[in-house]
Amino acid sequence: MRLEMTGKVYAEGETDSNAWEVRAEPTVRILSDNLATHYTTCGTLVNRIPQLLLAEPGYRTIDTLPQVQYQHAYDN
C-alpha cells in the first residue's frame, strides 16, 4: 500500500482534490475535484471537543483519543 499526501496553501483559482487508485481486479480510479475540505476539517475539530474536555490534562496526541465520531445536536 502506498499513500501520498501534499498540504499547501492554495493560490487564487486552485482547489483541493483527491485521487484514488485501487489496483485490483478490476482497477478502480476515483477523482474528487473542488472539495470543500475546510468544512470537513472544521467539523472534525468541533466533534473532538467533548473528547478533549474528558481527556486527562496535558499534551495529547491524536492516537491517544478515541476515534472521532459525529456529534449530533440536542433539542433543548
N, C-alpha and C. Protein backbone atom coordinates (compact mmCIF):
# COMPACT_ATOMS: atom_id res chain seq x y z
N MET A 1 0.85 -1.17 0.00
CA MET A 1 0.00 0.00 0.00
C MET A 1 0.90 1.23 0.00
N ARG A 2 0.51 2.23 -0.76
CA ARG A 2 1.27 3.48 -0.83
C ARG A 2 0.30 4.63 -0.71
N LEU A 3 0.66 5.62 0.09
CA LEU A 3 -0.17 6.81 0.28
C LEU A 3 0.71 8.03 0.12
N GLU A 4 0.24 8.99 -0.66
CA GLU A 4 0.94 10.26 -0.82
C GLU A 4 -0.03 11.36 -0.45
N MET A 5 0.46 12.36 0.26
CA MET A 5 -0.38 13.48 0.65
C MET A 5 0.44 14.75 0.59
N THR A 6 -0.14 15.79 0.05
CA THR A 6 0.52 17.08 -0.04
C THR A 6 -0.37 18.13 0.60
N GLY A 7 0.19 18.93 1.48
CA GLY A 7 -0.54 20.03 2.07
C GLY A 7 0.02 21.34 1.55
N LYS A 8 -0.86 22.26 1.25
CA LYS A 8 -0.38 23.54 0.73
C LYS A 8 -1.43 24.62 0.93
N VAL A 9 -1.00 25.84 0.79
CA VAL A 9 -1.91 26.99 0.76
C VAL A 9 -2.19 27.25 -0.72
N TYR A 10 -3.46 27.22 -1.08
CA TYR A 10 -3.83 27.33 -2.49
C TYR A 10 -3.81 28.76 -2.98
N ALA A 11 -3.35 28.92 -4.19
CA ALA A 11 -3.38 30.22 -4.86
C ALA A 11 -4.77 30.47 -5.41
N GLU A 12 -5.04 31.68 -5.77
CA GLU A 12 -6.33 32.06 -6.37
C GLU A 12 -6.65 31.12 -7.53
N GLY A 13 -7.84 30.51 -7.49
CA GLY A 13 -8.28 29.64 -8.57
C GLY A 13 -7.93 28.16 -8.39
N GLU A 14 -7.04 27.84 -7.44
CA GLU A 14 -6.70 26.45 -7.17
C GLU A 14 -7.71 25.85 -6.20
N THR A 15 -7.94 24.54 -6.29
CA THR A 15 -8.84 23.87 -5.36
C THR A 15 -8.22 22.56 -4.90
N ASP A 16 -8.78 21.99 -3.85
CA ASP A 16 -8.32 20.72 -3.32
C ASP A 16 -8.95 19.58 -4.11
N SER A 17 -8.26 18.45 -4.15
CA SER A 17 -8.80 17.27 -4.84
C SER A 17 -8.23 16.01 -4.20
N ASN A 18 -8.92 14.91 -4.42
CA ASN A 18 -8.44 13.58 -4.01
C ASN A 18 -8.44 12.69 -5.22
N ALA A 19 -7.38 11.94 -5.38
CA ALA A 19 -7.30 10.96 -6.46
C ALA A 19 -6.95 9.61 -5.84
N TRP A 20 -7.79 8.62 -6.09
CA TRP A 20 -7.60 7.29 -5.54
C TRP A 20 -7.48 6.28 -6.68
N GLU A 21 -6.56 5.34 -6.52
CA GLU A 21 -6.46 4.23 -7.45
C GLU A 21 -6.30 2.96 -6.63
N VAL A 22 -7.24 2.05 -6.79
CA VAL A 22 -7.18 0.75 -6.12
C VAL A 22 -6.82 -0.27 -7.19
N ARG A 23 -5.63 -0.81 -7.07
CA ARG A 23 -5.17 -1.78 -8.06
C ARG A 23 -5.63 -3.17 -7.63
N ALA A 24 -6.63 -3.62 -8.31
CA ALA A 24 -7.22 -4.93 -8.03
C ALA A 24 -7.82 -5.44 -9.33
N GLU A 25 -8.72 -6.35 -9.22
CA GLU A 25 -9.40 -6.86 -10.41
C GLU A 25 -10.88 -6.56 -10.28
N PRO A 26 -11.43 -5.55 -10.87
CA PRO A 26 -10.79 -4.59 -11.77
C PRO A 26 -10.14 -3.45 -10.99
N THR A 27 -9.26 -2.70 -11.65
CA THR A 27 -8.67 -1.49 -11.07
C THR A 27 -9.73 -0.39 -11.04
N VAL A 28 -9.78 0.32 -9.92
CA VAL A 28 -10.78 1.38 -9.75
C VAL A 28 -10.04 2.70 -9.56
N ARG A 29 -10.46 3.73 -10.28
CA ARG A 29 -9.89 5.07 -10.15
C ARG A 29 -11.01 6.04 -9.81
N ILE A 30 -10.78 6.83 -8.75
CA ILE A 30 -11.77 7.82 -8.32
C ILE A 30 -11.08 9.17 -8.19
N LEU A 31 -11.68 10.20 -8.75
CA LEU A 31 -11.16 11.56 -8.64
C LEU A 31 -12.27 12.45 -8.12
N SER A 32 -11.98 13.15 -7.03
CA SER A 32 -12.92 14.12 -6.46
C SER A 32 -12.27 15.49 -6.56
N ASP A 33 -12.85 16.36 -7.35
CA ASP A 33 -12.32 17.71 -7.54
C ASP A 33 -13.10 18.73 -6.74
N ASN A 34 -12.46 19.87 -6.50
CA ASN A 34 -13.11 21.03 -5.90
C ASN A 34 -13.77 20.69 -4.57
N LEU A 35 -13.02 20.03 -3.69
CA LEU A 35 -13.54 19.61 -2.39
C LEU A 35 -13.60 20.78 -1.41
N ALA A 36 -14.58 20.77 -0.56
CA ALA A 36 -14.71 21.80 0.48
C ALA A 36 -14.07 21.28 1.77
N THR A 37 -12.76 21.05 1.73
CA THR A 37 -12.07 20.44 2.87
C THR A 37 -12.08 21.32 4.11
N HIS A 38 -12.26 22.63 3.95
CA HIS A 38 -12.30 23.49 5.13
C HIS A 38 -13.52 23.15 5.99
N TYR A 39 -14.62 22.68 5.39
CA TYR A 39 -15.79 22.27 6.17
C TYR A 39 -15.52 20.98 6.93
N THR A 40 -14.91 19.99 6.28
CA THR A 40 -14.66 18.73 6.97
C THR A 40 -13.59 18.89 8.04
N THR A 41 -12.61 19.74 7.80
CA THR A 41 -11.58 19.98 8.81
C THR A 41 -12.21 20.63 10.05
N CYS A 42 -13.03 21.64 9.86
CA CYS A 42 -13.69 22.30 10.99
C CYS A 42 -14.64 21.35 11.70
N GLY A 43 -15.39 20.55 10.94
CA GLY A 43 -16.32 19.59 11.53
C GLY A 43 -15.60 18.58 12.40
N THR A 44 -14.46 18.10 11.95
CA THR A 44 -13.68 17.14 12.73
C THR A 44 -13.20 17.77 14.03
N LEU A 45 -12.72 18.99 13.96
CA LEU A 45 -12.24 19.67 15.17
C LEU A 45 -13.37 19.90 16.16
N VAL A 46 -14.51 20.35 15.69
CA VAL A 46 -15.65 20.62 16.58
C VAL A 46 -16.13 19.32 17.22
N ASN A 47 -16.17 18.23 16.47
CA ASN A 47 -16.62 16.95 17.03
C ASN A 47 -15.64 16.36 18.03
N ARG A 48 -14.42 16.86 18.07
CA ARG A 48 -13.43 16.40 19.06
C ARG A 48 -13.60 17.10 20.41
N ILE A 49 -14.30 18.21 20.48
CA ILE A 49 -14.37 18.99 21.71
C ILE A 49 -14.81 18.16 22.92
N PRO A 50 -15.90 17.36 22.85
CA PRO A 50 -16.26 16.56 24.03
C PRO A 50 -15.15 15.61 24.47
N GLN A 51 -14.44 15.01 23.52
CA GLN A 51 -13.34 14.11 23.88
C GLN A 51 -12.21 14.87 24.56
N LEU A 52 -11.92 16.06 24.09
CA LEU A 52 -10.86 16.86 24.70
C LEU A 52 -11.22 17.29 26.11
N LEU A 53 -12.48 17.62 26.33
CA LEU A 53 -12.91 18.01 27.67
C LEU A 53 -12.82 16.84 28.65
N LEU A 54 -12.97 15.62 28.19
CA LEU A 54 -12.90 14.44 29.05
C LEU A 54 -11.49 13.86 29.17
N ALA A 55 -10.56 14.34 28.36
CA ALA A 55 -9.20 13.80 28.36
C ALA A 55 -8.44 14.24 29.62
N GLU A 56 -7.44 13.43 29.99
CA GLU A 56 -6.59 13.81 31.11
C GLU A 56 -5.80 15.06 30.74
N PRO A 57 -5.46 15.89 31.73
CA PRO A 57 -4.69 17.11 31.43
C PRO A 57 -3.33 16.79 30.81
N GLY A 58 -2.82 17.75 30.06
CA GLY A 58 -1.50 17.61 29.46
C GLY A 58 -1.58 17.49 27.96
N TYR A 59 -0.42 17.38 27.36
CA TYR A 59 -0.32 17.25 25.91
C TYR A 59 -0.79 15.87 25.48
N ARG A 60 -1.67 15.81 24.50
CA ARG A 60 -2.20 14.55 23.98
C ARG A 60 -2.02 14.51 22.47
N THR A 61 -1.64 13.36 21.98
CA THR A 61 -1.59 13.17 20.53
C THR A 61 -2.88 12.50 20.09
N ILE A 62 -3.18 12.59 18.83
CA ILE A 62 -4.45 12.10 18.29
C ILE A 62 -4.63 10.61 18.54
N ASP A 63 -3.54 9.84 18.58
CA ASP A 63 -3.66 8.40 18.77
C ASP A 63 -4.05 8.01 20.18
N THR A 64 -4.03 8.96 21.13
CA THR A 64 -4.44 8.66 22.50
C THR A 64 -5.92 8.98 22.74
N LEU A 65 -6.59 9.54 21.75
CA LEU A 65 -8.01 9.86 21.86
C LEU A 65 -8.84 8.79 21.16
N PRO A 66 -10.12 8.65 21.56
CA PRO A 66 -10.98 7.72 20.85
C PRO A 66 -11.17 8.15 19.39
N GLN A 67 -11.65 7.23 18.56
CA GLN A 67 -11.93 7.56 17.17
C GLN A 67 -12.96 8.69 17.12
N VAL A 68 -12.75 9.66 16.24
CA VAL A 68 -13.68 10.79 16.14
C VAL A 68 -15.03 10.28 15.64
N GLN A 69 -16.10 10.84 16.21
CA GLN A 69 -17.46 10.46 15.84
C GLN A 69 -18.31 11.69 15.64
N TYR A 70 -19.32 11.54 14.83
CA TYR A 70 -20.29 12.61 14.60
C TYR A 70 -21.02 12.91 15.91
N GLN A 71 -21.11 14.18 16.26
CA GLN A 71 -21.85 14.62 17.45
C GLN A 71 -23.11 15.32 16.99
N HIS A 72 -24.26 14.75 17.28
CA HIS A 72 -25.50 15.36 16.85
C HIS A 72 -25.95 16.43 17.83
N ALA A 73 -26.73 17.38 17.34
CA ALA A 73 -27.24 18.48 18.18
C ALA A 73 -28.43 17.97 18.99
N TYR A 74 -28.54 18.45 20.22
CA TYR A 74 -29.66 18.10 21.07
C TYR A 74 -30.70 19.22 21.05
N ASP A 75 -31.95 18.85 21.07
CA ASP A 75 -33.03 19.84 21.18
C ASP A 75 -33.26 20.15 22.64
N ASN A 76 -33.11 21.40 23.02
CA ASN A 76 -33.33 21.80 24.42
C ASN A 76 -34.55 22.68 24.51
